[in-house]
C-alpha atoms as a PDB file:
ATOM      1  CA  MET A   1      19.556   1.020 -17.739  1.00  0.00           C
ATOM      2  CA  LEU A   2      23.000   1.881 -16.349  1.00  0.00           C
ATOM      3  CA  PRO A   3      24.993  -1.288 -15.510  1.00  0.00           C
ATOM      4  CA  THR A   4      28.288   0.618 -15.267  1.00  0.00           C
ATOM      5  CA  ILE A   5      28.427   4.034 -13.602  1.00  0.00           C
ATOM      6  CA  PHE A   6      32.029   4.754 -14.545  1.00  0.00           C
ATOM      7  CA  LYS A   7      35.310   3.020 -15.271  1.00  0.00           C
ATOM      8  CA  ILE A   8      38.778   4.312 -14.405  1.00  0.00           C
ATOM      9  CA  GLY A   9      41.584   2.032 -15.533  1.00  0.00           C
ATOM     10  CA  PRO A  10      41.029  -1.430 -14.040  1.00  0.00           C
ATOM     11  CA  PHE A  11      38.414  -0.113 -11.592  1.00  0.00           C
ATOM     12  CA  THR A  12      34.756  -0.335 -12.607  1.00  0.00           C
ATOM     13  CA  LEU A  13      31.898   0.940 -10.470  1.00  0.00           C
ATOM     14  CA  HIS A  14      28.858  -1.231 -11.153  1.00  0.00           C
ATOM     15  CA  SER A  15      25.457   0.226 -10.326  1.00  0.00           C
ATOM     16  CA  TYR A  16      24.270  -3.108  -8.935  1.00  0.00           C
ATOM     17  CA  GLY A  17      27.180  -3.379  -6.512  1.00  0.00           C
ATOM     18  CA  LEU A  18      26.773   0.246  -5.439  1.00  0.00           C
ATOM     19  CA  MET A  19      23.049  -0.092  -4.770  1.00  0.00           C
ATOM     20  CA  LEU A  20      23.606  -3.377  -2.941  1.00  0.00           C
ATOM     21  CA  ALA A  21      26.114  -1.678  -0.658  1.00  0.00           C
ATOM     22  CA  LEU A  22      23.715   1.238  -0.091  1.00  0.00           C
ATOM     23  CA  ALA A  23      20.907  -1.217   0.647  1.00  0.00           C
ATOM     24  CA  PHE A  24      22.863  -2.950   3.410  1.00  0.00           C
ATOM     25  CA  LEU A  25      24.210   0.310   4.839  1.00  0.00           C
ATOM     26  CA  SER A  26      20.762   1.928   4.949  1.00  0.00           C
ATOM     27  CA  ALA A  27      19.196  -1.165   6.492  1.00  0.00           C
ATOM     28  CA  ILE A  28      21.854  -1.369   9.220  1.00  0.00           C
ATOM     29  CA  LEU A  29      21.530   2.349  10.024  1.00  0.00           C
ATOM     30  CA  LEU A  30      17.743   2.061  10.294  1.00  0.00           C
ATOM     31  CA  LEU A  31      18.038  -0.995  12.533  1.00  0.00           C
ATOM     32  CA  GLU A  32      20.642   0.769  14.655  1.00  0.00           C
ATOM     33  CA  ALA A  33      18.344   3.768  15.124  1.00  0.00           C
ATOM     34  CA  LYS A  34      15.438   1.530  16.207  1.00  0.00           C
ATOM     35  CA  ALA A  35      17.573  -0.673  18.449  1.00  0.00           C
ATOM     36  CA  LYS A  36      19.099   2.340  20.200  1.00  0.00           C
ATOM     37  CA  ARG A  37      15.694   3.188  21.664  1.00  0.00           C
ATOM     38  CA  SER A  38      15.585  -0.312  23.153  1.00  0.00           C
ATOM     39  CA  GLY A  39      18.936   0.051  24.866  1.00  0.00           C
ATOM     40  CA  LEU A  40      20.803  -2.449  22.685  1.00  0.00           C
ATOM     41  CA  SER A  41      24.523  -1.955  22.186  1.00  0.00           C
ATOM     42  CA  LYS A  42      25.593  -0.314  18.932  1.00  0.00           C
ATOM     43  CA  ASP A  43      28.407  -2.842  18.597  1.00  0.00           C
ATOM     44  CA  VAL A  44      25.977  -5.750  18.894  1.00  0.00           C
ATOM     45  CA  ILE A  45      23.745  -4.283  16.191  1.00  0.00           C
ATOM     46  CA  MET A  46      26.673  -3.605  13.860  1.00  0.00           C
ATOM     47  CA  ASP A  47      27.994  -7.146  14.343  1.00  0.00           C
ATOM     48  CA  PHE A  48      24.488  -8.568  13.865  1.00  0.00           C
ATOM     49  CA  GLY A  49      24.091  -6.532  10.668  1.00  0.00           C
ATOM     50  CA  LEU A  50      27.450  -7.743   9.388  1.00  0.00           C
ATOM     51  CA  VAL A  51      26.586 -11.384  10.067  1.00  0.00           C
ATOM     52  CA  VAL A  52      23.212 -11.044   8.344  1.00  0.00           C
ATOM     53  CA  MET A  53      24.751  -9.147   5.416  1.00  0.00           C
ATOM     54  CA  VAL A  54      27.446 -11.732   4.721  1.00  0.00           C
ATOM     55  CA  ALA A  55      25.025 -14.639   5.155  1.00  0.00           C
ATOM     56  CA  SER A  56      22.407 -13.053   2.896  1.00  0.00           C
ATOM     57  CA  VAL A  57      24.914 -12.382   0.100  1.00  0.00           C
ATOM     58  CA  ILE A  58      26.264 -15.937   0.270  1.00  0.00           C
ATOM     59  CA  GLY A  59      22.794 -17.465   0.462  1.00  0.00           C
ATOM     60  CA  SER A  60      21.245 -15.326  -2.276  1.00  0.00           C
ATOM     61  CA  ARG A  61      24.206 -15.907  -4.599  1.00  0.00           C
ATOM     62  CA  ALA A  62      24.281 -19.655  -3.946  1.00  0.00           C
ATOM     63  CA  PHE A  63      20.535 -19.984  -4.592  1.00  0.00           C
ATOM     64  CA  TYR A  64      20.793 -18.005  -7.836  1.00  0.00           C
ATOM     65  CA  VAL A  65      23.801 -19.952  -9.110  1.00  0.00           C
ATOM     66  CA  LEU A  66      22.197 -23.312  -8.331  1.00  0.00           C
ATOM     67  CA  SER A  67      19.041 -22.327 -10.203  1.00  0.00           C
ATOM     68  CA  HIS A  68      21.095 -21.008 -13.161  1.00  0.00           C
ATOM     69  CA  TRP A  69      23.936 -23.518 -13.096  1.00  0.00           C
ATOM     70  CA  VAL A  70      24.002 -23.928 -16.882  1.00  0.00           C
ATOM     71  CA  GLU A  71      25.157 -20.308 -17.160  1.00  0.00           C
ATOM     72  CA  TYR A  72      28.041 -20.824 -14.703  1.00  0.00           C
ATOM     73  CA  ALA A  73      29.180 -24.370 -15.441  1.00  0.00           C
ATOM     74  CA  ALA A  74      31.579 -23.268 -18.187  1.00  0.00           C
ATOM     75  CA  ARG A  75      32.821 -20.237 -16.202  1.00  0.00           C
ATOM     76  CA  PRO A  76      32.771 -21.234 -12.507  1.00  0.00           C
ATOM     77  CA  LEU A  77      34.892 -18.260 -11.399  1.00  0.00           C
ATOM     78  CA  THR A  78      32.078 -15.867 -12.398  1.00  0.00           C
ATOM     79  CA  VAL A  79      30.155 -17.246  -9.422  1.00  0.00           C
ATOM     80  CA  LEU A  80      32.122 -14.735  -7.335  1.00  0.00           C
ATOM     81  CA  ALA A  81      31.149 -11.722  -9.504  1.00  0.00           C
ATOM     82  CA  VAL A  82      28.165 -10.659  -7.370  1.00  0.00           C
ATOM     83  CA  TRP A  83      28.587  -7.026  -8.479  1.00  0.00           C
ATOM     84  CA  GLU A  84      27.329  -8.016 -11.920  1.00  0.00           C
ATOM     85  CA  GLY A  85      23.963  -9.105 -10.525  1.00  0.00           C
ATOM     86  CA  GLY A  86      22.491 -12.506  -9.825  1.00  0.00           C
ATOM     87  CA  LEU A  87      21.193 -12.610  -6.249  1.00  0.00           C
ATOM     88  CA  THR A  88      17.959 -14.221  -5.103  1.00  0.00           C
ATOM     89  CA  PHE A  89      16.174 -12.621  -2.149  1.00  0.00           C
ATOM     90  CA  TYR A  90      14.824 -15.920  -0.873  1.00  0.00           C
ATOM     91  CA  GLY A  91      18.268 -17.501  -0.848  1.00  0.00           C
ATOM     92  CA  GLY A  92      19.464 -14.630   1.323  1.00  0.00           C
ATOM     93  CA  VAL A  93      16.576 -15.019   3.761  1.00  0.00           C
ATOM     94  CA  LEU A  94      17.059 -18.789   4.049  1.00  0.00           C
ATOM     95  CA  LEU A  95      20.662 -18.344   5.199  1.00  0.00           C
ATOM     96  CA  ALA A  96      20.522 -14.941   6.921  1.00  0.00           C
ATOM     97  CA  VAL A  97      17.738 -15.850   9.375  1.00  0.00           C
ATOM     98  CA  PRO A  98      19.446 -18.922  10.881  1.00  0.00           C
ATOM     99  CA  ALA A  99      22.782 -17.066  10.909  1.00  0.00           C
ATOM    100  CA  GLY A 100      21.133 -14.208  12.809  1.00  0.00           C
ATOM    101  CA  ILE A 101      19.483 -16.619  15.242  1.00  0.00           C
ATOM    102  CA  ILE A 102      22.799 -18.321  16.018  1.00  0.00           C
ATOM    103  CA  TYR A 103      24.547 -14.973  16.565  1.00  0.00           C
ATOM    104  CA  LEU A 104      21.843 -13.637  18.892  1.00  0.00           C
ATOM    105  CA  LYS A 105      21.689 -16.894  20.838  1.00  0.00           C
ATOM    106  CA  ARG A 106      25.416 -16.671  21.508  1.00  0.00           C
ATOM    107  CA  LYS A 107      24.950 -13.096  22.718  1.00  0.00           C
ATOM    108  CA  GLY A 108      21.985 -14.052  24.899  1.00  0.00           C
ATOM    109  CA  ILE A 109      19.590 -11.758  23.015  1.00  0.00           C
ATOM    110  CA  ALA A 110      16.005 -12.778  22.222  1.00  0.00           C
ATOM    111  CA  PHE A 111      15.495 -13.255  18.489  1.00  0.00           C
ATOM    112  CA  TRP A 112      11.881 -12.213  17.919  1.00  0.00           C
ATOM    113  CA  PRO A 113      11.974  -8.675  19.404  1.00  0.00           C
ATOM    114  CA  LEU A 114      15.082  -7.847  17.372  1.00  0.00           C
ATOM    115  CA  ALA A 115      13.573  -9.475  14.291  1.00  0.00           C
ATOM    116  CA  ASP A 116      10.600  -7.127  14.664  1.00  0.00           C
ATOM    117  CA  MET A 117      12.960  -4.152  14.734  1.00  0.00           C
ATOM    118  CA  ALA A 118      14.789  -5.530  11.704  1.00  0.00           C
ATOM    119  CA  ALA A 119      11.645  -6.024   9.588  1.00  0.00           C
ATOM    120  CA  PRO A 120      11.454  -2.400   8.304  1.00  0.00           C
ATOM    121  CA  ALA A 121      15.211  -2.533   7.639  1.00  0.00           C
ATOM    122  CA  PHE A 122      14.764  -5.672   5.536  1.00  0.00           C
ATOM    123  CA  ALA A 123      12.031  -3.906   3.570  1.00  0.00           C
ATOM    124  CA  LEU A 124      14.213  -0.829   3.024  1.00  0.00           C
ATOM    125  CA  GLY A 125      17.134  -2.970   1.855  1.00  0.00           C
ATOM    126  CA  LEU A 126      14.826  -4.790  -0.526  1.00  0.00           C
ATOM    127  CA  GLY A 127      13.583  -1.527  -2.028  1.00  0.00           C
ATOM    128  CA  ILE A 128      17.049  -0.086  -2.614  1.00  0.00           C
ATOM    129  CA  GLY A 129      18.459  -3.407  -3.819  1.00  0.00           C
ATOM    130  CA  ARG A 130      15.734  -3.872  -6.419  1.00  0.00           C
ATOM    131  CA  PHE A 131      16.404  -0.383  -7.758  1.00  0.00           C
ATOM    132  CA  GLY A 132      19.930  -1.680  -8.336  1.00  0.00           C
ATOM    133  CA  CYS A 133      18.419  -4.576 -10.304  1.00  0.00           C
ATOM    134  CA  PHE A 134      16.595  -2.043 -12.475  1.00  0.00           C
ATOM    135  CA  LEU A 135      19.797  -0.113 -13.217  1.00  0.00           C
ATOM    136  CA  ASN A 136      21.581  -3.374 -13.946  1.00  0.00           C
ATOM    137  CA  GLY A 137      18.808  -4.695 -16.192  1.00  0.00           C
ATOM    138  CA  CYS A 138      18.389  -8.025 -14.384  1.00  0.00           C
ATOM    139  CA  CYS A 139      15.323  -9.593 -12.684  1.00  0.00           C
ATOM    140  CA  PHE A 140      13.216  -8.190 -15.536  1.00  0.00           C
ATOM    141  CA  GLY A 141       9.613  -8.801 -16.471  1.00  0.00           C
ATOM    142  CA  ASN A 142       7.712 -10.193 -19.417  1.00  0.00           C
ATOM    143  CA  PRO A 143       6.876  -8.140 -22.534  1.00  0.00           C
ATOM    144  CA  SER A 144       4.281  -5.448 -21.892  1.00  0.00           C
ATOM    145  CA  PHE A 145       2.417  -2.724 -23.778  1.00  0.00           C
ATOM    146  CA  LEU A 146       1.576  -0.739 -20.653  1.00  0.00           C
ATOM    147  CA  PRO A 147       2.519   2.970 -20.657  1.00  0.00           C
ATOM    148  CA  TRP A 148       5.187   2.437 -17.998  1.00  0.00           C
ATOM    149  CA  ALA A 149       6.786  -0.572 -19.700  1.00  0.00           C
ATOM    150  CA  VAL A 150      10.549  -0.152 -20.139  1.00  0.00           C
ATOM    151  CA  LYS A 151      12.827  -1.000 -23.058  1.00  0.00           C
ATOM    152  CA  PHE A 152      16.254  -1.940 -21.744  1.00  0.00           C
ATOM    153  CA  PRO A 153      19.570  -1.296 -23.537  1.00  0.00           C
ATOM    154  CA  GLY A 154      21.151  -4.169 -25.423  1.00  0.00           C
ATOM    155  CA  ASP A 155      24.100  -4.375 -23.015  1.00  0.00           C
ATOM    156  CA  THR A 156      21.833  -5.564 -20.187  1.00  0.00           C
ATOM    157  CA  ALA A 157      20.424  -9.040 -19.583  1.00  0.00           C
ATOM    158  CA  ALA A 158      16.907  -7.720 -20.236  1.00  0.00           C
ATOM    159  CA  GLY A 159      17.940  -6.012 -23.469  1.00  0.00           C
ATOM    160  CA  ALA A 160      19.767  -9.101 -24.678  1.00  0.00           C
ATOM    161  CA  ALA A 161      16.703 -11.285 -24.051  1.00  0.00           C
ATOM    162  CA  PHE A 162      14.048  -8.925 -25.458  1.00  0.00           C
ATOM    163  CA  THR A 163      14.096  -5.983 -27.859  1.00  0.00           C
ATOM    164  CA  CYS A 164      10.578  -4.903 -26.841  1.00  0.00           C
ATOM    165  CA  ALA A 165       9.361  -3.056 -23.742  1.00  0.00           C
ATOM    166  CA  LEU A 166       9.038  -5.088 -20.544  1.00  0.00           C
ATOM    167  CA  HIS A 167       7.317  -4.960 -17.177  1.00  0.00           C
ATOM    168  CA  PRO A 168       9.745  -3.142 -14.815  1.00  0.00           C
ATOM    169  CA  THR A 169       9.273  -5.826 -12.166  1.00  0.00           C
ATOM    170  CA  GLN A 170      12.350  -4.526 -10.368  1.00  0.00           C
ATOM    171  CA  LEU A 171      10.570  -1.226  -9.725  1.00  0.00           C
ATOM    172  CA  TYR A 172       7.365  -3.019  -8.729  1.00  0.00           C
ATOM    173  CA  GLU A 173       9.289  -4.786  -5.989  1.00  0.00           C
ATOM    174  CA  ALA A 174      11.220  -1.654  -5.021  1.00  0.00           C
ATOM    175  CA  ILE A 175       7.925   0.170  -4.498  1.00  0.00           C
ATOM    176  CA  PHE A 176       6.688  -2.714  -2.367  1.00  0.00           C
ATOM    177  CA  GLY A 177       9.834  -2.520  -0.244  1.00  0.00           C
ATOM    178  CA  PHE A 178       9.498   1.199   0.451  1.00  0.00           C
ATOM    179  CA  LEU A 179       5.759   0.967   1.179  1.00  0.00           C
ATOM    180  CA  ALA A 180       6.273  -2.078   3.425  1.00  0.00           C
ATOM    181  CA  MET A 181       8.962  -0.198   5.348  1.00  0.00           C
ATOM    182  CA  ALA A 182       6.653   2.784   5.922  1.00  0.00           C
ATOM    183  CA  PHE A 183       3.765   0.507   6.941  1.00  0.00           C
ATOM    184  CA  LEU A 184       5.892  -1.508   9.373  1.00  0.00           C
ATOM    185  CA  LEU A 185       7.360   1.629  10.947  1.00  0.00           C
ATOM    186  CA  TRP A 186       3.857   2.986  11.489  1.00  0.00           C
ATOM    187  CA  LEU A 187       2.466  -0.310  12.755  1.00  0.00           C
ATOM    188  CA  GLY A 188       5.462  -0.785  15.031  1.00  0.00           C
ATOM    189  CA  LYS A 189       4.192   2.060  17.215  1.00  0.00           C
ATOM    190  CA  ILE A 190       1.288  -0.155  18.230  1.00  0.00           C
ATOM    191  CA  LYS A 191       1.848  -2.755  20.931  1.00  0.00           C
ATOM    192  CA  HIS A 192       2.071  -6.290  19.563  1.00  0.00           C
ATOM    193  CA  PHE A 193       3.382  -9.714  20.539  1.00  0.00           C
ATOM    194  CA  PRO A 194       7.090 -10.463  19.842  1.00  0.00           C
ATOM    195  CA  GLY A 195       7.601 -11.660  16.296  1.00  0.00           C
ATOM    196  CA  ALA A 196       4.433 -10.094  14.894  1.00  0.00           C
ATOM    197  CA  MET A 197       6.165  -7.511  12.695  1.00  0.00           C
ATOM    198  CA  PHE A 198       8.722  -9.938  11.295  1.00  0.00           C
ATOM    199  CA  CYS A 199       6.094 -12.563  10.481  1.00  0.00           C
ATOM    200  CA  LEU A 200       3.903  -9.877   8.930  1.00  0.00           C
ATOM    201  CA  PHE A 201       6.738  -8.781   6.652  1.00  0.00           C
ATOM    202  CA  LEU A 202       7.452 -12.362   5.580  1.00  0.00           C
ATOM    203  CA  GLY A 203       3.767 -12.985   4.904  1.00  0.00           C
ATOM    204  CA  MET A 204       3.294  -9.742   2.977  1.00  0.00           C
ATOM    205  CA  TYR A 205       6.353 -10.395   0.865  1.00  0.00           C
ATOM    206  CA  GLY A 206       5.247 -13.959   0.170  1.00  0.00           C
ATOM    207  CA  VAL A 207       1.871 -12.766  -1.111  1.00  0.00           C
ATOM    208  CA  TRP A 208       3.455  -9.951  -3.114  1.00  0.00           C
ATOM    209  CA  ARG A 209       6.151 -12.116  -4.659  1.00  0.00           C
ATOM    210  CA  PHE A 210       3.685 -14.845  -5.610  1.00  0.00           C
ATOM    211  CA  GLY A 211       1.639 -12.324  -7.570  1.00  0.00           C
ATOM    212  CA  LEU A 212       4.634 -10.472  -8.990  1.00  0.00           C
ATOM    213  CA  ASP A 213       6.097 -13.605 -10.552  1.00  0.00           C
ATOM    214  CA  HIS A 214       3.174 -13.730 -12.971  1.00  0.00           C
ATOM    215  CA  PHE A 215       4.707 -10.657 -14.616  1.00  0.00           C
ATOM    216  CA  ARG A 216       8.388 -11.587 -14.259  1.00  0.00           C
ATOM    217  CA  TYR A 217      10.379 -13.456 -16.888  1.00  0.00           C
ATOM    218  CA  TYR A 218      11.658 -16.921 -16.021  1.00  0.00           C
ATOM    219  CA  GLU A 219      13.442 -19.591 -18.016  1.00  0.00           C
ATOM    220  CA  ALA A 220      11.540 -22.839 -18.551  1.00  0.00           C
ATOM    221  CA  SER A 221      13.926 -24.601 -16.142  1.00  0.00           C
ATOM    222  CA  GLN A 222      12.605 -22.448 -13.295  1.00  0.00           C
ATOM    223  CA  LEU A 223       8.992 -23.491 -13.794  1.00  0.00           C
ATOM    224  CA  TRP A 224       7.968 -26.239 -11.424  1.00  0.00           C
ATOM    225  CA  LEU A 225       4.768 -28.119 -10.603  1.00  0.00           C
ATOM    226  CA  PHE A 226       1.526 -26.615 -12.010  1.00  0.00           C
ATOM    227  CA  GLY A 227       3.541 -24.088 -13.988  1.00  0.00           C
ATOM    228  CA  LEU A 228       4.505 -22.099 -10.895  1.00  0.00           C
ATOM    229  CA  THR A 229       8.021 -20.718 -10.561  1.00  0.00           C
ATOM    230  CA  ASN A 230      10.448 -21.939  -7.923  1.00  0.00           C
ATOM    231  CA  ASN A 231      10.037 -18.607  -6.126  1.00  0.00           C
ATOM    232  CA  GLN A 232       6.254 -18.898  -6.150  1.00  0.00           C
ATOM    233  CA  TRP A 233       6.455 -22.246  -4.369  1.00  0.00           C
ATOM    234  CA  ILE A 234       8.832 -20.726  -1.847  1.00  0.00           C
ATOM    235  CA  SER A 235       6.381 -17.823  -1.470  1.00  0.00           C
ATOM    236  CA  LEU A 236       3.589 -20.240  -0.593  1.00  0.00           C
ATOM    237  CA  GLY A 237       5.827 -21.893   1.977  1.00  0.00           C
ATOM    238  CA  LEU A 238       6.735 -18.494   3.413  1.00  0.00           C
ATOM    239  CA  ILE A 239       3.073 -17.506   3.730  1.00  0.00           C
ATOM    240  CA  VAL A 240       2.283 -20.738   5.594  1.00  0.00           C
ATOM    241  CA  PHE A 241       5.339 -20.275   7.834  1.00  0.00           C
ATOM    242  CA  ALA A 242       4.344 -16.686   8.649  1.00  0.00           C
ATOM    243  CA  LEU A 243       0.759 -17.658   9.499  1.00  0.00           C
ATOM    244  CA  VAL A 244       1.684 -20.678  11.635  1.00  0.00           C
ATOM    245  CA  SER A 245       4.500 -18.828  13.423  1.00  0.00           C
ATOM    246  CA  SER A 246       2.230 -15.859  14.146  1.00  0.00           C
ATOM    247  CA  LEU A 247      -0.419 -18.120  15.641  1.00  0.00           C
ATOM    248  CA  ILE A 248       2.107 -19.957  17.833  1.00  0.00           C
ATOM    249  CA  LEU A 249       3.785 -16.739  18.996  1.00  0.00           C
ATOM    250  CA  TRP A 250       0.433 -15.102  19.731  1.00  0.00           C
ATOM    251  CA  LYS A 251      -0.723 -18.088  21.793  1.00  0.00           C
ATOM    252  CA  ASN A 252       2.575 -18.241  23.679  1.00  0.00           C
ATOM    253  CA  ASN A 253       2.416 -14.535  24.437  1.00  0.00           C
ATOM    254  CA  LYS A 254      -1.191 -14.811  25.618  1.00  0.00           C
ATOM    255  CA  ARG A 255      -0.321 -17.798  27.823  1.00  0.00           C
ATOM    256  CA  GLN A 256       2.586 -15.928  29.450  1.00  0.00           C
ATOM    257  CA  LYS A 257       0.413 -12.902  30.165  1.00  0.00           C
ATOM    258  CA  SER A 258      -2.236 -15.052  31.840  1.00  0.00           C
ATOM    259  CA  LYS A 259       0.249 -16.541  34.321  1.00  0.00           C
END
């Protein structure tokens, strides 16, 4: 829709890069506000947010590049051009979570309670980031005749691939992110076992993403066993992980309370 906001000499402000920066900033500020009520240091939260941010960008970019290597093989330096789009949420999660765990362990801070506080922030970042995908014209859907289908300009990846209207899957996911944030903030007021909110977010996103990918465009190389996309298989794994982790955490919490 609007890949480039403005260009002054050699400087170009890309909408994707701007929204990505806003997504991380908003998520960190929300986490900081929630953590402050728990007595956690502002410096610890800012450092934690920075670690997670860097790890998620590296992980999401690496996952995207590996799954689209044909596009980058001839121009390897474009791997660094993250402002042009090309990040995969799951790649970010797969690297950001262990990076966050390592950081918190070194600081002597329990992971699950902070992960619960971070869950709404993750959802907010997802919502804002996907709006950046919409402006950039990447992560687009399949052709659609629905009233809200969108025809993208020819200078976007979506417009170059299709001249017809498409499912605005970016906005579908942005809406999910904002609604998930609101739901988690509301549910967070209720007492729960440590890790419940984070596992709930992972499970909800896994279910949502599995369904969403039926409407999103993928190259044939990204279709795996039974015609499911690589992200759909990861979604199934995430759902199983969320369910098993929730059960284990709930049992552990119940056992500790009974002592």
